[in-house]
């Protein structure tokens, strides 16, 4: 399964274009622009599994840095500040990583 099987290529492109500049990434806006906020809870889980590069059941800080590149290999790496903000926005239990439920809550809230 790929992100393009869940989200439209045009929506992904628009979301990536919106955050091309360093420190311009906003996860809420990105999820809206790429269409993820309109997807079912199961589709959001499927996206989480794709983003969980090492299949650990969590998206760790190291994986978050490359978040945009999971949508397009040519996309930029998130800055350290963006990565920290993203992690703190989703990490409800403060364990330093994002679980599937935390990801779902962030995307669908």
C-alpha atoms as a PDB file:
ATOM      1  CA  UNK A   1       0.000   0.000   0.000  1.00  0.00           C
ATOM      2  CA  UNK A   2       1.210   3.497  -0.825  1.00  0.00           C
ATOM      3  CA  UNK A   3       0.173   6.966   0.233  1.00  0.00           C
ATOM      4  CA  UNK A   4      -1.031   7.583  -3.333  1.00  0.00           C
ATOM      5  CA  UNK A   5      -3.550   4.773  -2.919  1.00  0.00           C
ATOM      6  CA  UNK A   6      -5.144   6.722  -0.038  1.00  0.00           C
ATOM      7  CA  UNK A   7      -4.448  10.377  -0.906  1.00  0.00           C
ATOM      8  CA  UNK A   8      -4.562  12.073  -4.300  1.00  0.00           C
ATOM      9  CA  UNK A   9      -1.255  13.014  -5.905  1.00  0.00           C
ATOM     10  CA  UNK A  10      -2.522  16.559  -6.475  1.00  0.00           C
ATOM     11  CA  UNK A  11      -3.438  16.988  -2.800  1.00  0.00           C
ATOM     12  CA  UNK A  12      -0.058  15.633  -1.672  1.00  0.00           C
ATOM     13  CA  UNK A  13       1.696  17.998  -4.091  1.00  0.00           C
ATOM     14  CA  UNK A  14      -0.294  20.996  -2.807  1.00  0.00           C
ATOM     15  CA  UNK A  15       0.464  20.109   0.817  1.00  0.00           C
ATOM     16  CA  UNK A  16       4.188  19.728   0.102  1.00  0.00           C
ATOM     17  CA  UNK A  17       4.294  22.979  -1.856  1.00  0.00           C
ATOM     18  CA  UNK A  18       2.752  24.834   1.096  1.00  0.00           C
ATOM     19  CA  UNK A  19       5.638  23.882   3.399  1.00  0.00           C
ATOM     20  CA  UNK A  20       8.646  24.045   1.054  1.00  0.00           C
ATOM     21  CA  UNK A  21      10.425  26.735   3.079  1.00  0.00           C
ATOM     22  CA  UNK A  22      12.291  25.646   6.229  1.00  0.00           C
ATOM     23  CA  UNK A  23      10.248  26.147   9.412  1.00  0.00           C
ATOM     24  CA  UNK A  24       6.990  26.543   7.455  1.00  0.00           C
ATOM     25  CA  UNK A  25       5.605  23.066   8.251  1.00  0.00           C
ATOM     26  CA  UNK A  26       2.360  22.963  10.237  1.00  0.00           C
ATOM     27  CA  UNK A  27       1.037  19.437  10.708  1.00  0.00           C
ATOM     28  CA  UNK A  28      -2.634  20.485  11.034  1.00  0.00           C
ATOM     29  CA  UNK A  29      -2.515  22.478   7.806  1.00  0.00           C
ATOM     30  CA  UNK A  30      -0.543  19.723   6.065  1.00  0.00           C
ATOM     31  CA  UNK A  31      -3.118  17.070   7.051  1.00  0.00           C
ATOM     32  CA  UNK A  32      -5.934  19.289   5.765  1.00  0.00           C
ATOM     33  CA  UNK A  33      -4.224  20.140   2.474  1.00  0.00           C
ATOM     34  CA  UNK A  34      -3.281  16.549   1.666  1.00  0.00           C
ATOM     35  CA  UNK A  35      -6.845  15.406   2.452  1.00  0.00           C
ATOM     36  CA  UNK A  36      -5.986  13.166   5.397  1.00  0.00           C
ATOM     37  CA  UNK A  37      -8.453  14.915   7.736  1.00  0.00           C
ATOM     38  CA  UNK A  38     -11.320  13.769   5.487  1.00  0.00           C
ATOM     39  CA  UNK A  39     -10.293  10.102   5.560  1.00  0.00           C
ATOM     40  CA  UNK A  40     -11.799   7.331   7.689  1.00  0.00           C
ATOM     41  CA  UNK A  41     -10.119   6.228  10.933  1.00  0.00           C
ATOM     42  CA  UNK A  42      -8.990   3.052   9.124  1.00  0.00           C
ATOM     43  CA  UNK A  43      -7.415   5.029   6.288  1.00  0.00           C
ATOM     44  CA  UNK A  44      -5.592   7.206   8.848  1.00  0.00           C
ATOM     45  CA  UNK A  45      -4.294   3.990  10.478  1.00  0.00           C
ATOM     46  CA  UNK A  46      -3.122   2.795   7.063  1.00  0.00           C
ATOM     47  CA  UNK A  47      -1.231   6.069   6.558  1.00  0.00           C
ATOM     48  CA  UNK A  48       0.306   5.679  10.024  1.00  0.00           C
ATOM     49  CA  UNK A  49       1.589   2.215   9.080  1.00  0.00           C
ATOM     50  CA  UNK A  50       3.194   3.641   5.933  1.00  0.00           C
ATOM     51  CA  UNK A  51       4.833   6.463   7.904  1.00  0.00           C
ATOM     52  CA  UNK A  52       6.096   4.046  10.583  1.00  0.00           C
ATOM     53  CA  UNK A  53       9.187   3.263   8.540  1.00  0.00           C
ATOM     54  CA  UNK A  54      10.652   0.641  10.901  1.00  0.00           C
ATOM     55  CA  UNK A  55       7.252  -0.992  11.677  1.00  0.00           C
ATOM     56  CA  UNK A  56       7.808  -0.480  15.424  1.00  0.00           C
ATOM     57  CA  UNK A  57       4.219   0.601  16.034  1.00  0.00           C
ATOM     58  CA  UNK A  58       5.438   4.136  16.699  1.00  0.00           C
ATOM     59  CA  UNK A  59       6.720   7.102  14.740  1.00  0.00           C
ATOM     60  CA  UNK A  60       9.886   8.162  16.526  1.00  0.00           C
ATOM     61  CA  UNK A  61      11.629  11.529  16.290  1.00  0.00           C
ATOM     62  CA  UNK A  62      14.163  10.171  13.781  1.00  0.00           C
ATOM     63  CA  UNK A  63      11.326   9.063  11.469  1.00  0.00           C
ATOM     64  CA  UNK A  64       9.553  12.421  11.874  1.00  0.00           C
ATOM     65  CA  UNK A  65      12.533  14.268  10.387  1.00  0.00           C
ATOM     66  CA  UNK A  66      11.862  12.468   7.108  1.00  0.00           C
ATOM     67  CA  UNK A  67       8.051  12.777   7.332  1.00  0.00           C
ATOM     68  CA  UNK A  68       7.670  14.880   4.160  1.00  0.00           C
ATOM     69  CA  UNK A  69       9.928  12.538   2.201  1.00  0.00           C
ATOM     70  CA  UNK A  70       7.496   9.681   2.868  1.00  0.00           C
ATOM     71  CA  UNK A  71       5.036  11.688   0.749  1.00  0.00           C
ATOM     72  CA  UNK A  72       7.613  12.548  -1.936  1.00  0.00           C
ATOM     73  CA  UNK A  73      11.284  11.495  -2.045  1.00  0.00           C
ATOM     74  CA  UNK A  74      12.247  14.955  -3.333  1.00  0.00           C
ATOM     75  CA  UNK A  75      10.651  16.760  -0.369  1.00  0.00           C
ATOM     76  CA  UNK A  76      12.827  18.435   2.242  1.00  0.00           C
ATOM     77  CA  UNK A  77      13.731  17.125   5.685  1.00  0.00           C
ATOM     78  CA  UNK A  78      11.915  18.765   8.606  1.00  0.00           C
ATOM     79  CA  UNK A  79      14.017  21.149  10.692  1.00  0.00           C
ATOM     80  CA  UNK A  80      14.833  20.243  14.296  1.00  0.00           C
ATOM     81  CA  UNK A  81      12.282  22.806  15.527  1.00  0.00           C
ATOM     82  CA  UNK A  82       9.552  21.443  13.224  1.00  0.00           C
ATOM     83  CA  UNK A  83      10.296  17.891  14.328  1.00  0.00           C
ATOM     84  CA  UNK A  84      10.094  18.844  18.029  1.00  0.00           C
ATOM     85  CA  UNK A  85       6.838  20.798  17.507  1.00  0.00           C
ATOM     86  CA  UNK A  86       5.297  17.912  15.551  1.00  0.00           C
ATOM     87  CA  UNK A  87       6.289  15.407  18.235  1.00  0.00           C
ATOM     88  CA  UNK A  88       5.006  17.530  21.116  1.00  0.00           C
ATOM     89  CA  UNK A  89       1.707  18.179  19.295  1.00  0.00           C
ATOM     90  CA  UNK A  90       0.944  14.456  19.055  1.00  0.00           C
ATOM     91  CA  UNK A  91       2.809  12.779  21.917  1.00  0.00           C
ATOM     92  CA  UNK A  92       0.021  12.826  24.521  1.00  0.00           C
ATOM     93  CA  UNK A  93       1.709  10.380  26.911  1.00  0.00           C
ATOM     94  CA  UNK A  94       5.132  12.085  26.668  1.00  0.00           C
ATOM     95  CA  UNK A  95       6.994   8.876  25.809  1.00  0.00           C
ATOM     96  CA  UNK A  96       8.977  10.564  23.014  1.00  0.00           C
ATOM     97  CA  UNK A  97       7.167   8.857  20.142  1.00  0.00           C
ATOM     98  CA  UNK A  98       3.800   8.919  18.384  1.00  0.00           C
ATOM     99  CA  UNK A  99       1.557   5.867  18.610  1.00  0.00           C
ATOM    100  CA  UNK A 100      -1.224   5.051  16.163  1.00  0.00           C
ATOM    101  CA  UNK A 101      -3.978   6.338  18.471  1.00  0.00           C
ATOM    102  CA  UNK A 102      -2.069   9.567  19.102  1.00  0.00           C
ATOM    103  CA  UNK A 103      -1.593  10.024  15.354  1.00  0.00           C
ATOM    104  CA  UNK A 104      -5.274   9.375  14.682  1.00  0.00           C
ATOM    105  CA  UNK A 105      -6.349  11.827  17.398  1.00  0.00           C
ATOM    106  CA  UNK A 106      -4.075  14.535  15.998  1.00  0.00           C
ATOM    107  CA  UNK A 107      -5.214  14.048  12.392  1.00  0.00           C
ATOM    108  CA  UNK A 108      -8.943  13.704  13.064  1.00  0.00           C
ATOM    109  CA  UNK A 109      -9.342  16.352  15.785  1.00  0.00           C
END
